[in-house]
């Protein structure tokens, strides 16, 4: 009676990483020999070494995909299942929030109008009292009570917070000092380089741009 061949145990990701990393130190030592190239022979040696490195990179990526790809596919499928109803509920949430905000804005508008009416009425009373030689009213002008910020239910609560939002309607009308601040912030965050690069390309690779160093270089691509 023949014995059933047992399946070989699947190596763990840790075991695979340990295996492919055994000769990493050898590659690091070989890199020292091609870090500075002084002649064509050195260039050929560097090229041969580079192809070997690329082969190792490709193999590592292949091994990684064997473990990661099934997980990504499972995550993608699960996210897709949940995202369909999630997006619908989030749209409902957004719509209700907007309706509540619009109502509160209208209430705020009405309250401010009433407070302005009371303020003008007080000014008229003060002017009349002065004209008649009587003391002006000293009681503070009444304020209109606002809606409670927090509304509770048996399941939770919602809280309204007055905020200031910004929307650019005309970039050309923004004062120069603010545009300068935007420019400096873009430089600090490294956002200016890709923009300048695109503008230089559009301008026919103009190499005479004040404040910009335009230079040639070689990008090396490799296949293995």
C-alpha atoms as a PDB file:
ATOM      1  CA  UNK A   1       0.000   0.000   0.000  1.00  0.00           C
ATOM      2  CA  UNK A   2       1.540   3.261  -1.140  1.00  0.00           C
ATOM      3  CA  UNK A   3       1.980   6.085   1.332  1.00  0.00           C
ATOM      4  CA  UNK A   4       0.420   9.455   0.620  1.00  0.00           C
ATOM      5  CA  UNK A   5       3.080  12.087   0.117  1.00  0.00           C
ATOM      6  CA  UNK A   6       2.814  14.760   2.749  1.00  0.00           C
ATOM      7  CA  UNK A   7       2.682  18.362   1.569  1.00  0.00           C
ATOM      8  CA  UNK A   8       5.761  20.433   2.310  1.00  0.00           C
ATOM      9  CA  UNK A   9       5.160  23.048   4.998  1.00  0.00           C
ATOM     10  CA  UNK A  10       4.763  26.589   3.637  1.00  0.00           C
ATOM     11  CA  UNK A  11       7.577  28.848   4.731  1.00  0.00           C
ATOM     12  CA  UNK A  12       6.575  31.842   6.799  1.00  0.00           C
ATOM     13  CA  UNK A  13       7.286  35.365   5.626  1.00  0.00           C
ATOM     14  CA  UNK A  14       9.925  35.662   8.332  1.00  0.00           C
ATOM     15  CA  UNK A  15      11.687  32.551   7.066  1.00  0.00           C
ATOM     16  CA  UNK A  16      11.645  33.825   3.481  1.00  0.00           C
ATOM     17  CA  UNK A  17      13.042  37.200   4.501  1.00  0.00           C
ATOM     18  CA  UNK A  18      15.801  35.508   6.489  1.00  0.00           C
ATOM     19  CA  UNK A  19      16.654  33.322   3.498  1.00  0.00           C
ATOM     20  CA  UNK A  20      16.873  36.073   0.904  1.00  0.00           C
ATOM     21  CA  UNK A  21      18.745  38.327   3.295  1.00  0.00           C
ATOM     22  CA  UNK A  22      21.611  35.898   3.913  1.00  0.00           C
ATOM     23  CA  UNK A  23      23.846  37.344   1.199  1.00  0.00           C
ATOM     24  CA  UNK A  24      22.868  40.990   1.674  1.00  0.00           C
ATOM     25  CA  UNK A  25      26.217  41.730   3.301  1.00  0.00           C
ATOM     26  CA  UNK A  26      27.954  40.343   0.186  1.00  0.00           C
ATOM     27  CA  UNK A  27      26.039  42.755  -2.029  1.00  0.00           C
ATOM     28  CA  UNK A  28      26.862  45.641   0.305  1.00  0.00           C
ATOM     29  CA  UNK A  29      30.570  44.802   0.057  1.00  0.00           C
ATOM     30  CA  UNK A  30      30.358  44.528  -3.739  1.00  0.00           C
ATOM     31  CA  UNK A  31      28.729  47.955  -3.850  1.00  0.00           C
ATOM     32  CA  UNK A  32      31.870  49.533  -2.393  1.00  0.00           C
ATOM     33  CA  UNK A  33      33.823  48.413  -5.453  1.00  0.00           C
ATOM     34  CA  UNK A  34      31.520  50.208  -7.879  1.00  0.00           C
ATOM     35  CA  UNK A  35      30.684  53.304  -5.839  1.00  0.00           C
ATOM     36  CA  UNK A  36      33.278  55.294  -7.795  1.00  0.00           C
ATOM     37  CA  UNK A  37      33.678  54.603 -11.522  1.00  0.00           C
ATOM     38  CA  UNK A  38      36.834  55.830 -13.240  1.00  0.00           C
ATOM     39  CA  UNK A  39      36.869  53.958 -16.565  1.00  0.00           C
ATOM     40  CA  UNK A  40      34.796  51.865 -18.985  1.00  0.00           C
ATOM     41  CA  UNK A  41      35.793  48.665 -17.236  1.00  0.00           C
ATOM     42  CA  UNK A  42      34.430  50.059 -13.982  1.00  0.00           C
ATOM     43  CA  UNK A  43      31.233  51.057 -15.776  1.00  0.00           C
ATOM     44  CA  UNK A  44      30.838  47.492 -17.127  1.00  0.00           C
ATOM     45  CA  UNK A  45      31.398  46.026 -13.663  1.00  0.00           C
ATOM     46  CA  UNK A  46      28.874  48.430 -12.160  1.00  0.00           C
ATOM     47  CA  UNK A  47      26.360  47.520 -14.846  1.00  0.00           C
ATOM     48  CA  UNK A  48      26.790  43.771 -14.198  1.00  0.00           C
ATOM     49  CA  UNK A  49      26.401  44.320 -10.467  1.00  0.00           C
ATOM     50  CA  UNK A  50      23.370  46.555 -10.984  1.00  0.00           C
ATOM     51  CA  UNK A  51      21.617  43.834 -12.991  1.00  0.00           C
ATOM     52  CA  UNK A  52      22.315  41.347 -10.210  1.00  0.00           C
ATOM     53  CA  UNK A  53      20.853  43.759  -7.658  1.00  0.00           C
ATOM     54  CA  UNK A  54      17.790  44.307  -9.847  1.00  0.00           C
ATOM     55  CA  UNK A  55      17.297  40.555 -10.104  1.00  0.00           C
ATOM     56  CA  UNK A  56      17.356  40.280  -6.328  1.00  0.00           C
ATOM     57  CA  UNK A  57      14.913  43.198  -6.011  1.00  0.00           C
ATOM     58  CA  UNK A  58      12.522  41.542  -8.466  1.00  0.00           C
ATOM     59  CA  UNK A  59      12.714  38.243  -6.578  1.00  0.00           C
ATOM     60  CA  UNK A  60      11.992  39.913  -3.249  1.00  0.00           C
ATOM     61  CA  UNK A  61       8.990  41.709  -4.759  1.00  0.00           C
ATOM     62  CA  UNK A  62       7.709  38.424  -6.201  1.00  0.00           C
ATOM     63  CA  UNK A  63       7.998  36.712  -2.825  1.00  0.00           C
ATOM     64  CA  UNK A  64       6.350  39.623  -1.083  1.00  0.00           C
ATOM     65  CA  UNK A  65       3.449  39.544  -3.534  1.00  0.00           C
ATOM     66  CA  UNK A  66       2.906  35.844  -2.833  1.00  0.00           C
ATOM     67  CA  UNK A  67       2.079  36.743   0.753  1.00  0.00           C
ATOM     68  CA  UNK A  68       0.590  40.212   0.328  1.00  0.00           C
ATOM     69  CA  UNK A  69      -1.541  39.869  -2.817  1.00  0.00           C
ATOM     70  CA  UNK A  70      -4.099  37.423  -1.349  1.00  0.00           C
ATOM     71  CA  UNK A  71      -4.444  39.656   1.708  1.00  0.00           C
ATOM     72  CA  UNK A  72      -4.924  42.764  -0.421  1.00  0.00           C
ATOM     73  CA  UNK A  73      -7.546  41.010  -2.543  1.00  0.00           C
ATOM     74  CA  UNK A  74      -9.420  39.919   0.575  1.00  0.00           C
ATOM     75  CA  UNK A  75      -9.254  43.418   2.048  1.00  0.00           C
ATOM     76  CA  UNK A  76     -10.397  44.946  -1.250  1.00  0.00           C
ATOM     77  CA  UNK A  77     -13.372  42.588  -1.451  1.00  0.00           C
ATOM     78  CA  UNK A  78     -14.412  43.221   2.143  1.00  0.00           C
ATOM     79  CA  UNK A  79     -14.020  46.984   1.802  1.00  0.00           C
ATOM     80  CA  UNK A  80     -16.129  46.934  -1.359  1.00  0.00           C
ATOM     81  CA  UNK A  81     -18.895  45.051   0.442  1.00  0.00           C
ATOM     82  CA  UNK A  82     -18.994  47.516   3.316  1.00  0.00           C
ATOM     83  CA  UNK A  83     -18.299  50.712   1.337  1.00  0.00           C
ATOM     84  CA  UNK A  84     -21.489  50.506  -0.728  1.00  0.00           C
ATOM     85  CA  UNK A  85     -23.912  50.943   2.197  1.00  0.00           C
ATOM     86  CA  UNK A  86     -21.347  53.064   4.072  1.00  0.00           C
ATOM     87  CA  UNK A  87     -21.235  55.697   1.339  1.00  0.00           C
ATOM     88  CA  UNK A  88     -25.031  55.815   1.213  1.00  0.00           C
ATOM     89  CA  UNK A  89     -25.306  56.373   4.959  1.00  0.00           C
ATOM     90  CA  UNK A  90     -22.547  58.996   4.857  1.00  0.00           C
ATOM     91  CA  UNK A  91     -24.437  60.855   2.111  1.00  0.00           C
ATOM     92  CA  UNK A  92     -27.563  60.787   4.271  1.00  0.00           C
ATOM     93  CA  UNK A  93     -25.526  62.040   7.245  1.00  0.00           C
ATOM     94  CA  UNK A  94     -24.034  64.858   5.184  1.00  0.00           C
ATOM     95  CA  UNK A  95     -27.441  65.917   3.869  1.00  0.00           C
ATOM     96  CA  UNK A  96     -29.020  66.020   7.335  1.00  0.00           C
ATOM     97  CA  UNK A  97     -26.037  67.931   8.743  1.00  0.00           C
ATOM     98  CA  UNK A  98     -26.388  70.490   5.979  1.00  0.00           C
ATOM     99  CA  UNK A  99     -30.092  70.917   6.674  1.00  0.00           C
ATOM    100  CA  UNK A 100     -29.427  71.376  10.392  1.00  0.00           C
ATOM    101  CA  UNK A 101     -26.622  73.865   9.709  1.00  0.00           C
ATOM    102  CA  UNK A 102     -28.832  75.849   7.310  1.00  0.00           C
ATOM    103  CA  UNK A 103     -31.595  76.026   9.918  1.00  0.00           C
ATOM    104  CA  UNK A 104     -29.186  77.193  12.615  1.00  0.00           C
ATOM    105  CA  UNK A 105     -27.731  79.805  10.237  1.00  0.00           C
ATOM    106  CA  UNK A 106     -31.221  81.135   9.578  1.00  0.00           C
ATOM    107  CA  UNK A 107     -31.955  81.235  13.319  1.00  0.00           C
ATOM    108  CA  UNK A 108     -28.687  83.092  13.872  1.00  0.00           C
ATOM    109  CA  UNK A 109     -29.592  85.580  11.149  1.00  0.00           C
ATOM    110  CA  UNK A 110     -32.980  86.236  12.757  1.00  0.00           C
ATOM    111  CA  UNK A 111     -31.393  86.599  16.213  1.00  0.00           C
ATOM    112  CA  UNK A 112     -28.791  89.091  14.984  1.00  0.00           C
ATOM    113  CA  UNK A 113     -31.475  91.121  13.203  1.00  0.00           C
ATOM    114  CA  UNK A 114     -33.528  91.282  16.389  1.00  0.00           C
ATOM    115  CA  UNK A 115     -30.483  92.292  18.441  1.00  0.00           C
ATOM    116  CA  UNK A 116     -29.719  95.025  15.926  1.00  0.00           C
ATOM    117  CA  UNK A 117     -33.312  96.263  16.199  1.00  0.00           C
ATOM    118  CA  UNK A 118     -33.042  96.345  19.989  1.00  0.00           C
ATOM    119  CA  UNK A 119     -29.702  98.171  19.774  1.00  0.00           C
ATOM    120  CA  UNK A 120     -31.128 100.874  17.527  1.00  0.00           C
ATOM    121  CA  UNK A 121     -34.157 101.166  19.784  1.00  0.00           C
ATOM    122  CA  UNK A 122     -31.867 101.712  22.773  1.00  0.00           C
ATOM    123  CA  UNK A 123     -29.935 104.367  20.851  1.00  0.00           C
ATOM    124  CA  UNK A 124     -33.218 106.141  20.084  1.00  0.00           C
ATOM    125  CA  UNK A 125     -34.243 105.949  23.756  1.00  0.00           C
ATOM    126  CA  UNK A 126     -30.871 107.346  24.824  1.00  0.00           C
ATOM    127  CA  UNK A 127     -31.108 110.209  22.347  1.00  0.00           C
ATOM    128  CA  UNK A 128     -34.649 111.035  23.511  1.00  0.00           C
ATOM    129  CA  UNK A 129     -33.572 110.964  27.160  1.00  0.00           C
ATOM    130  CA  UNK A 130     -30.663 113.282  26.433  1.00  0.00           C
ATOM    131  CA  UNK A 131     -32.928 115.675  24.588  1.00  0.00           C
ATOM    132  CA  UNK A 132     -35.297 115.730  27.555  1.00  0.00           C
ATOM    133  CA  UNK A 133     -32.435 116.137  30.021  1.00  0.00           C
ATOM    134  CA  UNK A 134     -33.055 112.750  31.568  1.00  0.00           C
ATOM    135  CA  UNK A 135     -30.444 110.046  32.322  1.00  0.00           C
ATOM    136  CA  UNK A 136     -29.858 107.536  29.552  1.00  0.00           C
ATOM    137  CA  UNK A 137     -30.982 103.932  30.092  1.00  0.00           C
ATOM    138  CA  UNK A 138     -28.228 101.950  31.796  1.00  0.00           C
ATOM    139  CA  UNK A 139     -29.589  98.429  31.506  1.00  0.00           C
ATOM    140  CA  UNK A 140     -27.690  96.325  28.932  1.00  0.00           C
ATOM    141  CA  UNK A 141     -29.366  95.721  25.607  1.00  0.00           C
ATOM    142  CA  UNK A 142     -31.115  92.363  25.658  1.00  0.00           C
ATOM    143  CA  UNK A 143     -29.634  89.526  23.642  1.00  0.00           C
ATOM    144  CA  UNK A 144     -31.639  86.875  21.849  1.00  0.00           C
ATOM    145  CA  UNK A 145     -31.258  83.384  23.240  1.00  0.00           C
ATOM    146  CA  UNK A 146     -29.597  80.951  20.822  1.00  0.00           C
ATOM    147  CA  UNK A 147     -30.375  77.311  20.191  1.00  0.00           C
ATOM    148  CA  UNK A 148     -28.674  74.823  22.472  1.00  0.00           C
ATOM    149  CA  UNK A 149     -25.413  73.657  20.872  1.00  0.00           C
ATOM    150  CA  UNK A 150     -25.861  70.043  21.980  1.00  0.00           C
ATOM    151  CA  UNK A 151     -28.988  68.004  21.299  1.00  0.00           C
ATOM    152  CA  UNK A 152     -29.291  64.667  23.097  1.00  0.00           C
ATOM    153  CA  UNK A 153     -31.240  61.586  22.171  1.00  0.00           C
ATOM    154  CA  UNK A 154     -31.517  58.189  23.807  1.00  0.00           C
ATOM    155  CA  UNK A 155     -28.894  56.852  21.364  1.00  0.00           C
ATOM    156  CA  UNK A 156     -26.420  59.714  21.267  1.00  0.00           C
ATOM    157  CA  UNK A 157     -26.113  63.405  20.591  1.00  0.00           C
ATOM    158  CA  UNK A 158     -25.148  66.030  18.040  1.00  0.00           C
ATOM    159  CA  UNK A 159     -23.222  69.212  18.750  1.00  0.00           C
ATOM    160  CA  UNK A 160     -23.180  72.369  16.664  1.00  0.00           C
ATOM    161  CA  UNK A 161     -20.041  74.507  16.766  1.00  0.00           C
ATOM    162  CA  UNK A 162     -19.844  77.852  15.026  1.00  0.00           C
ATOM    163  CA  UNK A 163     -16.743  77.930  12.800  1.00  0.00           C
ATOM    164  CA  UNK A 164     -15.225  80.248  10.221  1.00  0.00           C
ATOM    165  CA  UNK A 165     -14.676  78.718   6.788  1.00  0.00           C
ATOM    166  CA  UNK A 166     -12.819  80.051   3.765  1.00  0.00           C
ATOM    167  CA  UNK A 167     -13.510  79.794   0.042  1.00  0.00           C
ATOM    168  CA  UNK A 168     -11.355  81.448  -2.612  1.00  0.00           C
ATOM    169  CA  UNK A 169     -13.653  83.175  -5.084  1.00  0.00           C
ATOM    170  CA  UNK A 170     -11.021  85.289  -6.888  1.00  0.00           C
ATOM    171  CA  UNK A 171      -7.345  84.374  -6.444  1.00  0.00           C
ATOM    172  CA  UNK A 172      -6.230  87.517  -8.290  1.00  0.00           C
ATOM    173  CA  UNK A 173      -7.946  89.717  -5.714  1.00  0.00           C
ATOM    174  CA  UNK A 174      -6.015  88.226  -2.786  1.00  0.00           C
ATOM    175  CA  UNK A 175      -3.572  90.836  -1.348  1.00  0.00           C
ATOM    176  CA  UNK A 176       0.101  90.344  -2.200  1.00  0.00           C
ATOM    177  CA  UNK A 177       1.172  89.767   1.412  1.00  0.00           C
ATOM    178  CA  UNK A 178      -1.112  86.719   1.597  1.00  0.00           C
ATOM    179  CA  UNK A 179       0.100  85.399  -1.753  1.00  0.00           C
ATOM    180  CA  UNK A 180       3.694  85.776  -0.508  1.00  0.00           C
ATOM    181  CA  UNK A 181       2.795  83.787   2.617  1.00  0.00           C
ATOM    182  CA  UNK A 182       1.286  81.039   0.442  1.00  0.00           C
ATOM    183  CA  UNK A 183       4.477  80.958  -1.639  1.00  0.00           C
ATOM    184  CA  UNK A 184       6.682  80.608   1.445  1.00  0.00           C
ATOM    185  CA  UNK A 185       4.474  77.863   2.846  1.00  0.00           C
ATOM    186  CA  UNK A 186       4.678  75.996  -0.487  1.00  0.00           C
ATOM    187  CA  UNK A 187       8.489  76.226  -0.398  1.00  0.00           C
ATOM    188  CA  UNK A 188       8.589  74.937   3.198  1.00  0.00           C
ATOM    189  CA  UNK A 189       6.416  71.943   2.324  1.00  0.00           C
ATOM    190  CA  UNK A 190       8.320  71.061  -0.850  1.00  0.00           C
ATOM    191  CA  UNK A 191       5.316  71.779  -3.066  1.00  0.00           C
ATOM    192  CA  UNK A 192       7.074  74.285  -5.307  1.00  0.00           C
ATOM    193  CA  UNK A 193       9.608  71.992  -7.022  1.00  0.00           C
ATOM    194  CA  UNK A 194       7.139  69.928  -9.107  1.00  0.00           C
ATOM    195  CA  UNK A 195       5.212  73.064 -10.062  1.00  0.00           C
ATOM    196  CA  UNK A 196       8.365  74.865 -11.215  1.00  0.00           C
ATOM    197  CA  UNK A 197       9.440  71.749 -13.123  1.00  0.00           C
ATOM    198  CA  UNK A 198       6.154  71.677 -15.038  1.00  0.00           C
ATOM    199  CA  UNK A 199       6.287  75.399 -15.755  1.00  0.00           C
ATOM    200  CA  UNK A 200       9.868  75.147 -17.060  1.00  0.00           C
ATOM    201  CA  UNK A 201       8.822  72.294 -19.381  1.00  0.00           C
ATOM    202  CA  UNK A 202       5.838  74.275 -20.643  1.00  0.00           C
ATOM    203  CA  UNK A 203       8.158  77.222 -21.291  1.00  0.00           C
ATOM    204  CA  UNK A 204      10.238  75.133 -23.708  1.00  0.00           C
ATOM    205  CA  UNK A 205      12.794  73.983 -21.104  1.00  0.00           C
ATOM    206  CA  UNK A 206      13.863  77.559 -20.395  1.00  0.00           C
ATOM    207  CA  UNK A 207      17.142  77.218 -18.477  1.00  0.00           C
ATOM    208  CA  UNK A 208      17.396  80.889 -17.551  1.00  0.00           C
ATOM    209  CA  UNK A 209      14.901  81.091 -14.716  1.00  0.00           C
ATOM    210  CA  UNK A 210      16.113  83.283 -11.830  1.00  0.00           C
ATOM    211  CA  UNK A 211      16.228  81.301  -8.587  1.00  0.00           C
ATOM    212  CA  UNK A 212      16.021  77.931 -10.364  1.00  0.00           C
ATOM    213  CA  UNK A 213      18.937  75.603 -11.234  1.00  0.00           C
ATOM    214  CA  UNK A 214      18.124  73.700 -14.413  1.00  0.00           C
ATOM    215  CA  UNK A 215      20.683  70.975 -15.093  1.00  0.00           C
ATOM    216  CA  UNK A 216      21.148  67.734 -17.038  1.00  0.00           C
ATOM    217  CA  UNK A 217      21.514  64.319 -15.449  1.00  0.00           C
ATOM    218  CA  UNK A 218      21.165  60.636 -16.399  1.00  0.00           C
ATOM    219  CA  UNK A 219      18.385  58.492 -14.932  1.00  0.00           C
ATOM    220  CA  UNK A 220      19.384  54.818 -15.140  1.00  0.00           C
ATOM    221  CA  UNK A 221      16.719  52.167 -15.770  1.00  0.00           C
ATOM    222  CA  UNK A 222      17.546  48.489 -15.385  1.00  0.00           C
ATOM    223  CA  UNK A 223      15.846  45.181 -16.236  1.00  0.00           C
ATOM    224  CA  UNK A 224      16.719  41.701 -15.086  1.00  0.00           C
END
